[in-house]
Structures are given as structure tokens and as C-alpha cells.
Protein backbone atom coordinates (compact mmCIF):
# COMPACT_ATOMS: atom_id res chain seq x y z
CA MET A 1 127.71 131.87 104.63
CA ALA A 2 125.55 128.80 104.15
CA PRO A 3 123.23 127.81 107.01
CA ALA A 4 124.44 125.10 109.36
CA GLY A 5 124.37 121.59 107.99
CA THR A 6 125.56 122.35 104.44
CA SER A 7 128.87 122.25 102.67
CA ALA A 8 129.77 125.19 100.50
CA ASP A 9 133.48 124.41 99.93
CA PRO A 10 134.14 124.23 96.19
CA THR A 11 137.40 122.33 96.82
CA GLN A 12 135.56 119.26 98.11
CA GLY A 13 135.12 116.25 95.85
CA ALA A 14 136.77 115.63 92.48
CA PRO A 15 139.23 118.20 91.00
CA ALA A 16 137.75 120.70 88.60
CA GLY A 17 137.60 119.31 85.09
CA ALA A 18 137.99 115.70 86.19
CA PRO A 19 135.86 113.28 84.15
CA PRO A 20 132.92 111.73 85.93
CA SER A 21 133.57 108.19 87.15
CA PRO A 22 130.96 105.57 86.24
CA LEU A 23 129.03 104.17 89.19
CA ARG A 24 127.02 100.97 89.29
CA ALA A 25 124.27 99.94 91.69
CA GLY A 26 124.92 96.73 93.62
CA ASP A 27 122.63 93.76 93.38
CA ALA A 28 119.52 94.33 95.48
CA PRO A 29 119.02 91.76 98.29
CA GLY A 30 116.13 89.48 97.46
CA LEU A 31 116.19 90.37 93.76
CA ALA A 32 118.08 87.70 91.86
CA ASP A 33 119.18 87.76 88.23
CA VAL A 34 118.71 91.52 87.77
CA MET A 35 119.87 92.47 84.31
CA ASP A 36 123.05 94.58 83.94
CA THR A 37 123.45 96.17 80.50
CA GLY A 38 126.99 97.40 81.17
CA GLU A 39 125.99 101.05 80.86
CA PRO A 40 127.03 103.55 83.56
CA LEU A 41 124.24 104.08 86.05
CA VAL A 42 125.31 107.56 87.10
CA THR A 43 126.15 110.64 85.04
CA GLU A 44 127.37 113.94 86.53
CA ILE A 45 126.26 117.36 85.28
CA PRO A 46 128.27 120.44 86.41
CA VAL A 47 126.15 123.21 87.95
CA GLY A 48 126.85 126.34 90.05
CA HIS A 49 128.65 126.97 93.34
CA ALA A 50 127.37 125.16 96.47
CA PRO A 51 124.24 123.55 94.95
CA LEU A 52 121.59 122.43 97.44
CA TRP A 53 118.16 121.62 96.06
CA ALA A 54 116.42 120.37 92.94
CA ALA A 55 112.90 120.35 91.52
CA ILE A 56 111.58 118.79 88.32
CA THR A 57 108.83 120.03 86.03
CA PRO A 58 105.67 117.89 85.85
CA ASP A 59 106.50 116.86 82.27
CA GLY A 60 109.99 115.77 83.37
CA ARG A 61 111.76 117.92 80.78
CA HIS A 62 113.68 120.25 83.10
CA VAL A 63 115.35 120.08 86.50
CA TYR A 64 115.92 123.33 88.41
CA VAL A 65 118.87 123.40 90.83
CA THR A 66 119.53 126.07 93.48
CA ASN A 67 123.12 127.28 93.73
CA PHE A 68 123.49 128.80 97.20
CA GLY A 69 127.02 130.10 96.64
CA THR A 70 126.38 131.97 93.39
CA SER A 71 122.75 133.00 94.04
CA SER A 72 121.54 131.36 90.88
CA ILE A 73 119.38 128.57 89.47
CA SER A 74 120.79 126.06 86.97
CA VAL A 75 118.21 124.68 84.53
CA ILE A 76 118.99 121.19 83.25
CA ASP A 77 117.52 119.71 80.08
CA THR A 78 116.83 116.08 81.03
CA ALA A 79 116.96 114.94 77.38
CA THR A 80 120.52 116.20 76.82
CA ARG A 81 121.56 116.20 80.50
CA THR A 82 123.11 119.65 80.13
CA VAL A 83 122.55 123.05 81.75
CA ILE A 84 120.68 125.12 79.19
CA THR A 85 120.47 128.38 81.16
CA THR A 86 121.29 129.97 84.51
CA ILE A 87 118.84 132.28 86.29
CA ALA A 88 120.14 134.92 88.72
CA VAL A 89 118.16 135.28 91.96
CA THR A 90 118.66 137.21 95.18
CA ASN A 91 121.09 136.11 97.86
CA GLY A 92 121.14 132.55 99.20
CA PRO A 93 118.65 130.40 97.26
CA TRP A 94 117.76 127.28 99.24
CA GLU A 95 114.76 125.14 98.29
CA ILE A 96 112.86 125.36 95.03
CA VAL A 97 109.42 124.01 94.09
CA ILE A 98 107.48 124.01 90.85
CA THR A 99 103.71 124.47 90.63
CA PRO A 100 101.61 121.48 89.51
CA ASP A 101 100.87 123.17 86.18
CA GLY A 102 104.61 123.65 85.60
CA LEU A 103 104.27 127.35 84.81
CA ARG A 104 106.12 128.82 87.79
CA ALA A 105 108.93 127.98 90.17
CA TYR A 106 109.28 129.40 93.67
CA VAL A 107 112.69 129.81 95.31
CA ALA A 108 113.32 130.36 99.03
CA CYS A 109 115.96 133.10 99.24
CA PHE A 110 117.53 132.67 102.66
CA GLY A 111 119.72 135.75 102.49
CA THR A 112 117.01 138.27 101.61
CA ASP A 113 114.05 136.89 103.60
CA SER A 114 112.04 136.46 100.44
CA VAL A 115 110.72 134.06 97.81
CA ALA A 116 111.59 134.56 94.16
CA VAL A 117 108.98 133.75 91.49
CA ILE A 118 110.27 132.32 88.20
CA ASP A 119 108.42 132.05 84.90
CA THR A 120 109.45 128.60 83.61
CA ALA A 121 108.64 129.51 80.01
CA THR A 122 111.01 132.47 79.89
CA HIS A 123 113.36 131.30 82.67
CA SER A 124 113.21 134.70 84.29
CA VAL A 125 112.34 136.11 87.72
CA THR A 126 108.97 137.85 87.49
CA SER A 127 108.50 139.00 91.09
CA THR A 128 109.76 138.71 94.66
CA ILE A 129 107.63 137.97 97.72
CA PRO A 130 108.95 139.74 100.86
CA GLY A 131 108.11 139.35 104.54
CA LEU A 132 109.63 135.95 105.34
CA ASN A 133 112.39 135.28 107.88
CA LYS A 134 115.29 133.11 106.71
CA PRO A 135 113.13 130.79 104.55
CA LEU A 136 114.36 127.27 103.83
CA GLY A 137 111.77 124.59 103.00
CA LEU A 138 108.94 125.07 100.51
CA THR A 139 105.94 123.03 99.41
CA VAL A 140 103.03 123.84 97.13
CA THR A 141 99.52 122.42 97.49
CA PRO A 142 98.30 119.94 94.83
CA ASP A 143 95.88 122.53 93.42
CA GLY A 144 98.69 125.08 93.23
CA SER A 145 96.81 127.73 95.22
CA ARG A 146 99.04 127.91 98.31
CA LEU A 147 102.76 127.89 99.00
CA TYR A 148 104.03 126.96 102.47
CA ALA A 149 107.47 128.22 103.51
CA ALA A 150 109.47 127.27 106.61
CA SER A 151 110.82 130.55 108.03
CA LEU A 152 113.74 129.34 110.13
CA GLY A 153 114.47 132.77 111.62
CA GLY A 154 110.89 133.35 112.73
CA ASP A 155 110.15 129.81 113.96
CA ARG A 156 107.04 129.70 111.81
CA VAL A 157 105.56 128.52 108.55
CA ASP A 158 104.42 131.28 106.22
CA VAL A 159 101.47 130.82 103.87
CA ILE A 160 101.58 132.48 100.45
CA SER A 161 98.74 132.87 97.96
CA THR A 162 100.03 131.95 94.51
CA ALA A 163 97.19 133.92 92.91
CA SER A 164 98.49 137.22 94.30
CA ASP A 165 102.01 136.12 95.28
CA THR A 166 101.54 137.66 98.72
CA LEU A 167 101.97 136.45 102.29
CA ILE A 168 98.48 135.77 103.71
CA ALA A 169 99.11 133.94 107.01
CA SER A 170 101.75 132.60 109.38
CA VAL A 171 101.64 129.55 111.64
CA PRO A 172 103.78 129.86 114.81
CA LEU A 173 105.91 126.83 115.61
CA SER A 174 108.41 125.85 118.29
CA SER A 175 112.04 125.94 117.13
CA GLY A 176 113.95 125.50 113.91
CA PRO A 177 111.52 124.55 111.10
CA ARG A 178 113.36 123.10 108.10
CA GLY A 179 111.55 120.73 105.76
CA VAL A 180 107.90 120.93 104.66
CA ALA A 181 105.70 118.53 102.70
CA VAL A 182 102.00 118.56 101.89
CA THR A 183 99.71 115.54 101.70
CA PRO A 184 98.28 114.57 98.28
CA ASP A 185 94.81 115.81 99.27
CA GLY A 186 96.25 119.15 100.37
CA SER A 187 94.72 118.94 103.84
CA GLN A 188 97.88 118.75 105.97
CA VAL A 189 101.44 120.01 105.92
CA TYR A 190 104.24 118.18 107.74
CA VAL A 191 107.09 120.32 109.10
CA THR A 192 110.38 119.06 110.51
CA GLU A 193 111.55 121.11 113.50
CA GLU A 194 115.24 120.58 113.99
CA GLY A 195 115.43 122.72 117.11
CA ALA A 196 112.62 120.88 118.91
CA ASN A 197 113.30 117.39 117.49
CA THR A 198 109.66 117.14 116.46
CA VAL A 199 107.44 117.06 113.40
CA GLU A 200 104.50 119.45 113.43
CA VAL A 201 101.29 118.79 111.49
CA ILE A 202 99.45 121.84 110.15
CA ASP A 203 95.80 121.81 109.12
CA THR A 204 95.68 123.80 105.88
CA ALA A 205 92.01 124.74 106.32
CA GLY A 206 92.55 126.61 109.58
CA HIS A 207 96.32 127.17 109.39
CA THR A 208 96.75 125.70 112.87
CA VAL A 209 98.99 123.01 114.34
CA ILE A 210 96.85 119.92 114.98
CA ALA A 211 99.57 117.50 116.11
CA THR A 212 103.13 117.47 117.41
CA ILE A 213 105.00 114.21 116.82
CA GLU A 214 107.99 113.65 119.11
CA GLY A 215 110.88 111.20 119.21
CA PHE A 216 113.08 112.46 116.38
CA LEU A 217 116.76 113.41 116.46
CA PHE A 218 117.60 116.40 114.27
CA PRO A 219 114.88 115.80 111.64
CA ARG A 220 115.65 117.41 108.28
CA GLY A 221 113.92 116.25 105.12
CA VAL A 222 110.31 115.08 104.81
CA ALA A 223 108.31 113.47 102.00
CA VAL A 224 104.76 112.09 101.87
CA SER A 225 103.75 108.87 100.09
CA PRO A 226 101.50 109.15 97.01
CA ASP A 227 98.58 107.60 98.90
CA GLY A 228 99.03 110.07 101.76
CA GLN A 229 99.22 107.35 104.43
CA ARG A 230 102.91 107.75 105.30
CA ALA A 231 105.34 110.62 105.84
CA TYR A 232 109.06 109.84 105.72
CA VAL A 233 111.47 111.93 107.81
CA SER A 234 115.27 111.89 107.52
CA GLU A 235 116.94 112.18 110.94
CA TYR A 236 120.54 113.14 110.39
CA GLY A 237 121.24 113.06 114.13
CA GLY A 238 119.84 109.56 114.52
CA ASN A 239 121.15 108.02 111.26
CA ARG A 240 117.68 106.77 110.45
CA LEU A 241 114.48 107.37 108.51
CA GLY A 242 111.34 107.88 110.58
CA VAL A 243 108.04 106.62 109.15
CA ILE A 244 104.92 108.49 110.30
CA ASP A 245 101.37 107.14 110.17
CA THR A 246 99.43 110.15 108.88
CA VAL A 247 96.13 108.85 110.26
CA THR A 248 97.24 108.55 113.87
CA HIS A 249 100.05 111.15 113.69
CA SER A 250 102.48 108.74 115.32
CA VAL A 251 105.80 107.10 114.40
CA ALA A 252 104.93 103.75 112.83
CA SER A 253 108.48 102.48 112.29
CA THR A 254 112.09 103.50 111.64
CA LEU A 255 114.80 102.39 109.23
CA THR A 256 118.24 102.54 110.82
CA GLY A 257 121.80 102.41 109.51
CA LEU A 258 121.61 105.49 107.25
CA PRO A 259 124.78 107.58 107.84
CA ILE A 260 123.72 111.24 108.21
CA PRO A 261 120.61 111.14 105.99
CA LEU A 262 119.51 114.48 104.54
CA GLY A 263 117.27 114.38 101.48
CA VAL A 264 114.38 111.95 101.00
CA ALA A 265 112.20 111.46 97.93
CA VAL A 266 109.37 108.97 97.31
CA GLY A 267 108.58 107.55 93.87
CA HIS A 268 105.32 108.49 92.22
CA ASN A 269 104.25 104.83 92.19
CA GLY A 270 104.91 104.54 95.93
CA LEU A 271 107.19 101.52 95.56
CA LEU A 272 110.66 103.00 96.20
CA ALA A 273 112.18 105.84 98.18
CA TYR A 274 115.66 107.34 97.92
CA VAL A 275 117.68 108.92 100.74
CA THR A 276 120.91 110.92 100.40
CA CYS A 277 123.49 109.95 103.05
CA ASP A 278 126.10 112.62 103.69
CA GLY A 279 128.03 110.37 106.08
CA ASP A 280 129.32 108.01 103.39
CA ASP A 281 128.48 109.93 100.18
CA SER A 282 125.83 107.44 99.12
CA VAL A 283 122.18 107.15 98.15
CA ALA A 284 120.10 104.48 99.89
CA VAL A 285 117.32 102.81 97.89
CA ILE A 286 114.37 101.69 100.03
CA ASP A 287 111.69 99.19 99.09
CA LEU A 288 108.55 100.69 100.63
CA VAL A 289 106.60 97.45 100.31
CA ARG A 290 109.08 95.55 102.49
CA ASN A 291 110.15 98.70 104.35
CA GLU A 292 113.85 97.94 104.05
CA VAL A 293 116.99 99.20 102.29
CA ILE A 294 117.57 97.10 99.15
CA ASP A 295 120.57 98.94 97.73
CA THR A 296 123.21 101.52 98.63
CA VAL A 297 124.76 103.37 95.70
CA PRO A 298 128.18 104.91 96.55
CA GLY A 299 130.33 107.52 94.84
CA PHE A 300 128.42 110.77 95.37
CA HIS A 301 129.92 113.99 96.80
CA ALA A 302 128.21 115.38 99.91
CA PRO A 303 124.79 114.59 98.40
CA ALA A 304 122.17 117.11 99.53
CA TRP A 305 118.76 116.79 97.90
CA LEU A 306 117.33 114.61 95.15
CA VAL A 307 114.33 114.50 92.84
CA ILE A 308 112.68 111.62 90.95
CA THR A 309 111.51 111.86 87.36
CA PRO A 310 107.74 111.50 86.77
CA ASP A 311 108.24 108.03 85.22
CA ASP A 312 110.22 106.89 88.32
CA LEU A 313 113.09 105.69 86.14
CA GLU A 314 115.76 108.24 87.08
CA VAL A 315 116.84 110.18 90.15
CA TYR A 316 118.67 113.53 90.00
CA VAL A 317 121.00 113.90 93.01
CA VAL A 318 122.52 117.26 93.97
CA ASN A 319 126.20 116.92 94.91
CA ASN A 320 127.06 119.83 97.18
CA GLY A 321 130.67 118.62 97.46
CA ASN A 322 131.80 118.73 93.82
CA GLU A 323 129.08 121.05 92.47
CA THR A 324 127.39 118.62 90.14
CA VAL A 325 124.08 116.84 89.71
CA SER A 326 124.24 113.05 89.32
CA VAL A 327 121.67 111.12 87.29
CA LEU A 328 121.00 107.75 88.90
CA SER A 329 119.02 105.04 87.14
CA ALA A 330 116.35 103.26 89.16
CA PRO A 331 117.50 99.76 90.17
CA GLY A 332 116.35 96.92 87.95
CA GLY A 333 113.99 94.26 89.24
CA GLY A 334 110.36 93.60 90.02
CA TYR A 335 108.38 95.68 92.53
CA PRO A 336 106.82 94.29 94.62
CA ASN A 337 108.58 90.93 94.46
CA VAL A 338 106.12 88.95 96.60
CA GLY A 339 102.48 87.98 96.23
CA PRO A 340 99.92 85.23 96.87
CA MET A 341 99.81 81.91 95.02
CA SER A 342 96.43 82.84 93.58
CA GLY A 343 98.19 85.46 91.46
CA GLY A 344 96.75 88.84 90.56
CA THR A 345 99.60 90.92 92.03
CA PRO A 346 100.43 94.07 89.99
CA VAL A 347 104.22 94.10 89.44
CA THR A 348 106.36 96.84 87.90
CA LEU A 349 109.41 95.52 86.03
CA ILE A 350 112.40 97.86 85.69
CA GLY A 351 115.22 97.05 83.24
CA GLU A 352 116.82 98.11 79.98
CA GLY A 353 115.80 97.53 76.38
CA LEU A 354 112.28 96.34 77.18
CA ARG A 355 110.39 98.17 74.42
CA ASN A 356 110.29 95.16 72.07
CA THR A 357 109.04 92.72 74.70
CA THR A 358 106.63 90.16 73.25
CA ALA A 359 106.10 87.97 76.33
CA VAL A 360 106.51 88.06 80.12
CA ARG A 361 106.75 84.83 82.09
CA PHE A 362 106.77 84.06 85.80
CA GLY A 363 108.80 80.86 85.72
CA CYS A 364 107.21 78.75 82.99
CA ARG A 365 103.82 80.47 83.10
CA PRO A 366 102.87 83.57 81.11
CA ALA A 367 101.94 86.69 83.03
CA ALA A 368 98.22 87.28 83.48
CA SER A 369 98.79 90.49 81.52
CA PHE A 370 101.51 93.00 80.75
CA THR A 371 101.80 96.52 79.37
CA ILE A 372 104.98 98.08 77.97
CA VAL A 373 105.29 101.57 79.42
CA ASN A 374 108.62 102.47 77.78
CA ASP A 375 112.04 101.01 77.06
CA ARG A 376 112.78 100.60 80.76
CA GLU A 377 109.43 99.75 82.36
CA ILE A 378 106.76 97.06 82.05
CA ARG A 379 103.65 96.74 84.19
CA THR A 380 102.51 93.16 84.58
CA VAL A 381 100.27 90.96 86.73
CA SER A 382 101.42 87.72 88.34
CA PRO A 383 99.71 84.47 87.28
CA LEU A 384 98.53 81.60 89.46
CA LEU A 385 101.61 79.66 90.58
CA VAL A 386 102.97 77.51 93.39
CA SER A 387 106.70 78.23 93.71
CA ASP A 388 109.32 80.98 93.70
CA VAL A 389 110.33 81.88 90.15
CA SER A 390 112.45 84.12 87.98
CA VAL A 391 110.62 86.74 85.91
CA ASP A 392 111.65 86.61 82.25
CA VAL A 393 110.86 88.83 79.28
CA THR A 394 111.14 87.81 75.65
CA LEU A 395 112.52 90.49 73.34
CA GLY A 396 111.40 90.07 69.75
CA GLN A 397 111.27 86.41 68.67
CA ARG A 398 114.32 84.85 70.31
CA THR A 399 116.02 86.82 73.07
CA THR A 400 114.97 86.08 76.65
CA ARG A 401 116.22 88.00 79.71
CA THR A 402 115.65 87.58 83.42
CA VAL A 403 114.77 90.95 84.98
CA GLY A 404 113.87 89.94 88.52
CA ARG A 405 112.59 87.30 90.87
CA PHE A 406 109.10 86.87 92.34
CA TYR A 407 108.29 85.05 95.55
CA TYR A 408 104.93 83.31 95.89
CA LEU A 409 103.32 83.13 99.32
CA PRO A 410 100.19 81.37 100.61
CA ASP A 411 96.93 83.19 99.86
CA SER A 412 95.93 85.71 102.49
CA VAL A 413 93.54 84.56 105.21
CA LEU A 414 92.28 86.67 108.13
CA THR A 415 91.52 84.42 111.12
CA ARG A 416 90.94 86.83 114.01
CA ILE A 417 91.42 90.34 115.34
CA SER A 418 92.22 91.47 118.87
CA PRO A 419 90.76 93.43 120.58
CA ARG A 420 87.31 93.30 118.98
CA SER A 421 86.05 96.60 120.42
CA GLY A 422 87.30 99.94 121.68
CA PRO A 423 86.47 103.60 122.34
CA LEU A 424 85.28 106.14 119.80
CA ALA A 425 88.59 108.00 120.16
CA GLY A 426 90.51 105.02 118.74
CA GLY A 427 94.25 105.06 119.34
CA GLY A 428 94.65 101.50 120.55
CA THR A 429 96.64 98.80 118.78
CA LEU A 430 94.68 96.17 116.89
CA THR A 431 96.37 92.90 115.91
CA VAL A 432 95.22 91.01 112.82
CA THR A 433 96.15 87.33 112.81
CA GLY A 434 96.14 85.10 109.75
CA ARG A 435 98.49 83.93 107.02
CA GLY A 436 99.76 85.30 103.73
CA LEU A 437 99.57 88.86 105.08
CA ILE A 438 103.09 89.95 104.09
CA THR A 439 101.92 92.20 101.21
CA THR A 440 99.30 94.01 103.29
CA THR A 441 99.14 97.67 102.28
CA SER A 442 96.25 98.83 104.46
CA VAL A 443 93.58 97.76 106.92
CA HIS A 444 90.12 99.28 106.48
CA PHE A 445 87.78 100.04 109.37
CA GLY A 446 84.62 100.50 107.40
CA GLU A 447 85.55 103.23 104.89
CA VAL A 448 88.65 104.41 106.78
CA ALA A 449 91.99 103.06 105.54
CA VAL A 450 94.91 102.73 107.96
CA THR A 451 98.49 101.85 107.04
CA PRO A 452 99.90 99.01 109.20
CA SER A 453 102.58 99.82 111.77
CA SER A 454 104.10 96.34 111.33
CA VAL A 455 103.57 93.58 108.79
CA LEU A 456 104.52 89.90 109.12
CA ASP A 457 103.24 86.97 107.10
CA ASP A 458 101.05 85.80 110.01
CA GLN A 459 100.35 89.06 111.83
CA VAL A 460 99.62 92.71 111.08
CA THR A 461 99.28 95.50 113.64
CA VAL A 462 97.51 98.82 113.12
CA THR A 463 96.45 101.78 115.20
CA VAL A 464 92.66 101.99 115.47
CA PRO A 465 91.36 105.22 113.88
CA PRO A 466 88.81 107.44 115.64
CA THR A 467 85.14 107.65 114.68
CA GLN A 468 82.09 109.73 115.57
CA THR A 469 79.51 106.95 115.76
CA ALA A 470 79.29 103.92 118.03
CA GLY A 471 78.61 100.54 116.45
CA PRO A 472 80.19 97.71 114.46
CA VAL A 473 82.33 98.20 111.35
CA PRO A 474 83.80 95.54 109.04
CA VAL A 475 87.58 95.08 109.19
CA THR A 476 89.12 94.44 105.79
CA VAL A 477 92.76 93.60 105.07
CA VAL A 478 93.95 94.94 101.70
CA THR A 479 97.00 93.28 100.12
CA ARG A 480 98.78 93.96 96.85
CA SER A 481 96.40 91.63 95.04
CA ASN A 482 93.15 91.22 97.00
CA SER A 483 90.99 92.34 99.92
CA TYR A 484 90.02 90.05 102.81
CA GLY A 485 87.34 90.83 105.38
CA ARG A 486 85.95 88.37 107.89
CA ALA A 487 86.03 90.31 111.13
CA THR A 488 84.04 93.03 112.85
CA TYR A 489 85.32 95.74 115.18
CA THR A 490 82.83 97.54 117.42
CA TYR A 491 83.25 101.15 118.45
CA VAL A 492 81.85 101.60 121.95
CA GLY A 493 80.54 104.90 123.26
CA PRO A 494 81.37 106.08 126.79
CA PRO A 495 79.33 104.18 129.41
CA ARG A 496 76.85 105.80 131.80
CA ILE A 497 75.37 104.70 135.13
CA THR A 498 71.83 105.89 135.88
CA SER A 499 70.94 103.76 138.92
CA VAL A 500 72.16 101.07 141.33
CA LEU A 501 69.36 99.00 142.95
CA PRO A 502 69.14 98.17 145.72
CA SER A 503 71.32 101.03 146.83
CA THR A 504 72.11 99.65 150.29
CA GLY A 505 73.47 96.41 151.68
CA SER A 506 75.54 94.69 154.33
CA THR A 507 79.25 95.31 154.91
CA SER A 508 79.73 91.56 154.70
CA GLY A 509 78.97 91.76 150.96
CA GLY A 510 77.21 89.17 148.84
CA ASP A 511 74.19 91.35 148.01
CA PRO A 512 72.99 91.22 144.38
CA VAL A 513 72.55 94.63 142.76
CA LEU A 514 71.33 95.77 139.36
CA ILE A 515 73.33 98.50 137.64
CA GLU A 516 71.43 100.32 134.93
CA GLY A 517 72.72 102.81 132.39
CA ALA A 518 73.92 102.89 128.77
CA GLU A 519 76.75 101.41 126.64
CA LEU A 520 77.31 98.59 129.16
CA ALA A 521 77.48 95.65 126.70
CA PHE A 522 81.30 95.63 126.61
CA THR A 523 81.87 95.91 130.36
CA GLN A 524 85.28 94.64 131.45
CA SER A 525 85.14 95.30 135.21
CA VAL A 526 82.95 96.59 138.06
CA THR A 527 84.22 97.95 141.35
CA ILE A 528 82.24 98.98 144.44
CA GLY A 529 84.11 100.98 147.00
CA GLY A 530 87.31 100.35 145.05
CA VAL A 531 86.98 96.55 145.34
CA ALA A 532 86.35 94.32 142.32
CA ALA A 533 82.85 92.90 142.17
CA ALA A 534 81.63 89.80 140.35
CA PHE A 535 79.31 90.78 137.51
CA GLY A 536 77.38 89.58 134.52
CA ILE A 537 76.15 91.50 131.47
CA ILE A 538 72.40 91.29 130.99
CA SER A 539 72.00 93.78 128.16
CA PRO A 540 73.58 96.97 126.80
CA THR A 541 71.73 98.86 129.58
CA ARG A 542 71.88 96.43 132.55
CA ILE A 543 74.56 94.65 134.60
CA ALA A 544 74.04 92.30 137.52
CA ALA A 545 76.73 92.51 140.19
CA VAL A 546 77.43 91.07 143.63
CA THR A 547 78.74 93.49 146.26
CA PRO A 548 82.15 92.73 147.74
CA PRO A 549 82.79 93.00 151.51
CA ALA A 550 83.51 96.48 152.96
CA ASP A 551 85.76 97.42 155.88
CA ALA A 552 83.26 99.88 157.34
CA PRO A 553 79.73 101.21 156.81
CA GLY A 554 79.21 104.22 154.55
CA PRO A 555 78.77 105.31 150.91
CA ALA A 556 80.76 103.54 148.21
CA THR A 557 81.51 104.63 144.67
CA VAL A 558 80.43 102.31 141.84
CA VAL A 559 82.74 102.23 138.80
CA VAL A 560 82.02 100.40 135.54
CA THR A 561 84.86 100.08 132.99
CA THR A 562 84.11 99.08 129.40
CA THR A 563 86.16 99.01 126.22
CA GLY A 564 84.59 102.39 125.50
CA GLY A 565 85.62 104.12 128.73
CA THR A 566 84.73 104.39 132.41
CA ALA A 567 81.54 105.43 134.22
CA THR A 568 81.63 106.53 137.86
CA ALA A 569 78.70 106.88 140.28
CA PRO A 570 79.99 108.44 143.56
CA GLY A 571 78.24 107.05 146.65
CA ALA A 572 75.71 105.10 144.58
CA PHE A 573 75.81 102.18 147.03
CA VAL A 574 75.73 102.52 150.84
CA TYR A 575 77.12 99.85 153.15
CA ALA A 576 75.04 99.64 156.35
């Protein structure tokens, strides 16, 4: 029996032997004049019984598909789009991953509490790694040295050395781990916990949980962006995609309206993501620059997982319902489709028949530069312009086609930030105000890059990262085309009070006192005996204050609150 949340009924979907029906992607909102060549956008490849997962080799030549019902792996040749061989594995294969060098594939075998190791050259099982407990999700580190497996039955993540193919550690979790994904630098692993409705973050150096992110509803799939700044989590109970800020380990935003999302995959260029939606048998296409769904492709059959080719031009979608794999072409258009009037925005053009392109124009002006990647992709740079334009390519000497539309916005200007200081621990929300900020990709605090939690043309918000050292750092806004930095944020250490002089005064108040200590330059308030006192900042080590009235004689606590924290001096002033 398949684990909960899958379909293993071979009668679902199209009748056996029925020809695949062509599917076409709808026009993407905001992308006008996208070329349609008339070719089918989706092809279906028959595989084994109850397919679930797919992985692609680094060279893009083969896709490996797990067949849960027949305990086998179908190997697809992407050039011919046919199954070239089938590999038998032990009971219940679930997820499959391929090492960065492409030499081995690892398969989580749910039914036998093990991981099968496949030699991709011979397409044969070379060994089996025991000791797991109902494994589901797998991820391999970028250097290929470690494999992380979500053991659903043991509520843990198991760590496997790929050098010895042995289990070397286990990380206890809460309840129901499912999906796992590692950051591009290999330092952290994100784990969806369906039973606890959380995402756990594991430090790969110490194999310990360093953060628990709450607020999800039946999280299932997880994928990390190529720059490592975002993790995307499909929530099939909430019909949404959660977006995690990997710096602050918090939910930065959500995309709603996805009916029972399961699989999620992010393109290698970081521009698009794809989500399988079991609720309406569709695949949602998400523009990660604008953080919105730009297309919904229908016609799949209980789509489970999906994988993107290394060139980002095709997506292989596993149809659990009719036991096929669909090949979906990436939507045509320009990504991103917005940038400043000063030009300089790198834009990827996706279309058909682009190999013979001799010119690229944004409206009437030639592109600053362009490079033909292949027949379906061009990388270009926007020129200086002052209006919204179509993007045209010239094929050969005469034929011109429109492949997308590009929207010009005012050049980015940073006018102010608020607040301008805060504690070493970070965690607060900083608002950047300006104009032309819509293509902001990150905000830098010194050398630390943070992905924005919200982006508007006149305002960007970010979560302040922590630091170890007090002092000012430059704040730089990085957009798709340029960097802008005209502000300074000051990290403030925790304040200290060393003396209050004079230390006595009348209950009627009005006595001037000098508070001495450290880190007092960003003082926001002073209280004496719990009552606010008027104050003035003299220096980073001295504050002048005026005592407020007191109800009765006796010792009073002096409290100084700064943007860096709070200092308390019990009984430092005595009312006489």
C-alpha cells in the first residue's frame, strides 16, 4: 500500500493505450505577444505502476522515475523521450536523487527501510543501505559527500556517508518528516514535518536542529532557490506555497490559490518555479521575481513530483494518475519583464526557433547585448529607454518575431530607511523607502545579503540580520540591474549603567541626575521608579535626566532603554 497522500490506482486518468492529448500553456499575465509555434507543449511518456518521483542527471540526458507500485525505476532518454530501461529495486521506491557528478542515484525504499544505490552507467543496483525507518524524502549535499533521508517511521532525518554508503548519524525531529532540501552551500537542510505542521532547519556541521519554523498546514514538498536565500514549501492542506527567508528562518510570504499543491521545483536560473496541483490536475508556473503565478497549465493526471532540465527549458512531470511522465515546455516570454529606464537589466528570452537570431530589439532600440544560448533561449540586456515596449528578435535577414514585453520603470533611488539602528541580535523589520525598487532582489547590510519580505516600487521591507559587532554598516539595495546605497544602519550593543549621580533627591522630583554607562547613544527612554523621566543624550557614555515625582520616599530603579536593549540599575536612586 502506498503511504497516505498518494494515488496508486492504475485505473485513474486516460484509458490504457489512449493517445496523449496535446496541451498548451495559456498566455502569461503581463507578458504580451508571446510567440506560439503551434507545437504541442506537453508530451506523455508511459512509465511503471504508481509513479511518484523524478530526478534528472546533471547533463540532462536521463530522467529517473520511481514506480512505487512495481518497485522499479524507469529511465527516460530525454533526447528520444522514451524509457530505455527499467531497474528493479526493493519494495516501495519513493524519492530518488542523483549525485552532483551524475555517477550514482539513491532511492528511498519505503517498504524495506533502506536506500538503494544505483550505478547510472550500468543502470544497476550496486548496494543497499539498511537501518532507516520508512524513508521518503532524500537530498544530497552539493559536494556529494552526504545524503540526508527523511525517515517517516522514526521521526528523524538520517545522515548517510556516500563514501562508504553507511548510516553515520540521525537527527531526531518532531512528527512526520516528508520533504528535504539542502542549501546550495551545503550548510543547512530544510525538512517539512507534516505531523507537526512545521519546517525544521538542520545544521549540517553539527547535525542539530537550529530552527523550527511554524505556521504551515500539512507541508509536503520543499525546494531551495539557487542563491540560497529562499526555501519554497508546498502546503497541500493550506492550498498555498510558503516562502521562507533562509537568513531569518521565518516565513517571508505566501502564494495562495494553489489547489492541493504537492511537488515544487525551482529553475536553475532562479526566475521560475513550478508546482504540481493535485486538486485540479494542473501545474502552476510562478514568476519568482514578481512572486506571483503567471500561468496554470491544465491536463495532467494526479501530478506528483516534477523536475526541471539543466537548461530550464523543459519540465518533466510525474503523473501518478495515468502512469506517465509529461514533458512541459517552459512558457515563452522575457524574465524578468521589468527594469529601470537606465537599462542594464539582464533578461532571459524563452521562445522557439531562436538559433538564427541576428538582432534583439526593445521597441525600436537594439539590446545592449545578447547571446544565443540555444534554439529556445537568448540572454540579453535591456537598453536605455523611456517607455513600455515589445521585445522583438530578428531571425536571419527578414523575419521578425515578438517574444515578450518589457516594462520600464523609473531608476531606483533609496531615500531613507527606518529604523536606523537596532540590537546586535537583529530580527526587527527595516523599511526602505524610495522609488524604482520593484526589481529589488536583496538588501545588503554590509557584506550580509538579505532577501526582502515584501517589494513595492516605492517601499521594500526586510528582516534585519544579526551581527557580532556593534557599529554602523552601509545599507545597499540590489536590483536586477544596479546597486544603490545611501543609508547607514547602526548595530547597537546592549546598554549598561555604571552610576547615577547624585543618587538621592526629593520626592517632589525635578532633580537633575547624570547617568553614566556604555552604549547610551541610542537611548529611547529613561524611567526612574517606573515613571518616565525627561532626558538628553550627552555622549555614548552619559545621559542627563530629570527625576520625576515619587509617591513615597525610598529606593527607585533606574531603567534606560535603547535600540540595542535595556539596562536596569535596581535602587540606583533614592527618594528622600
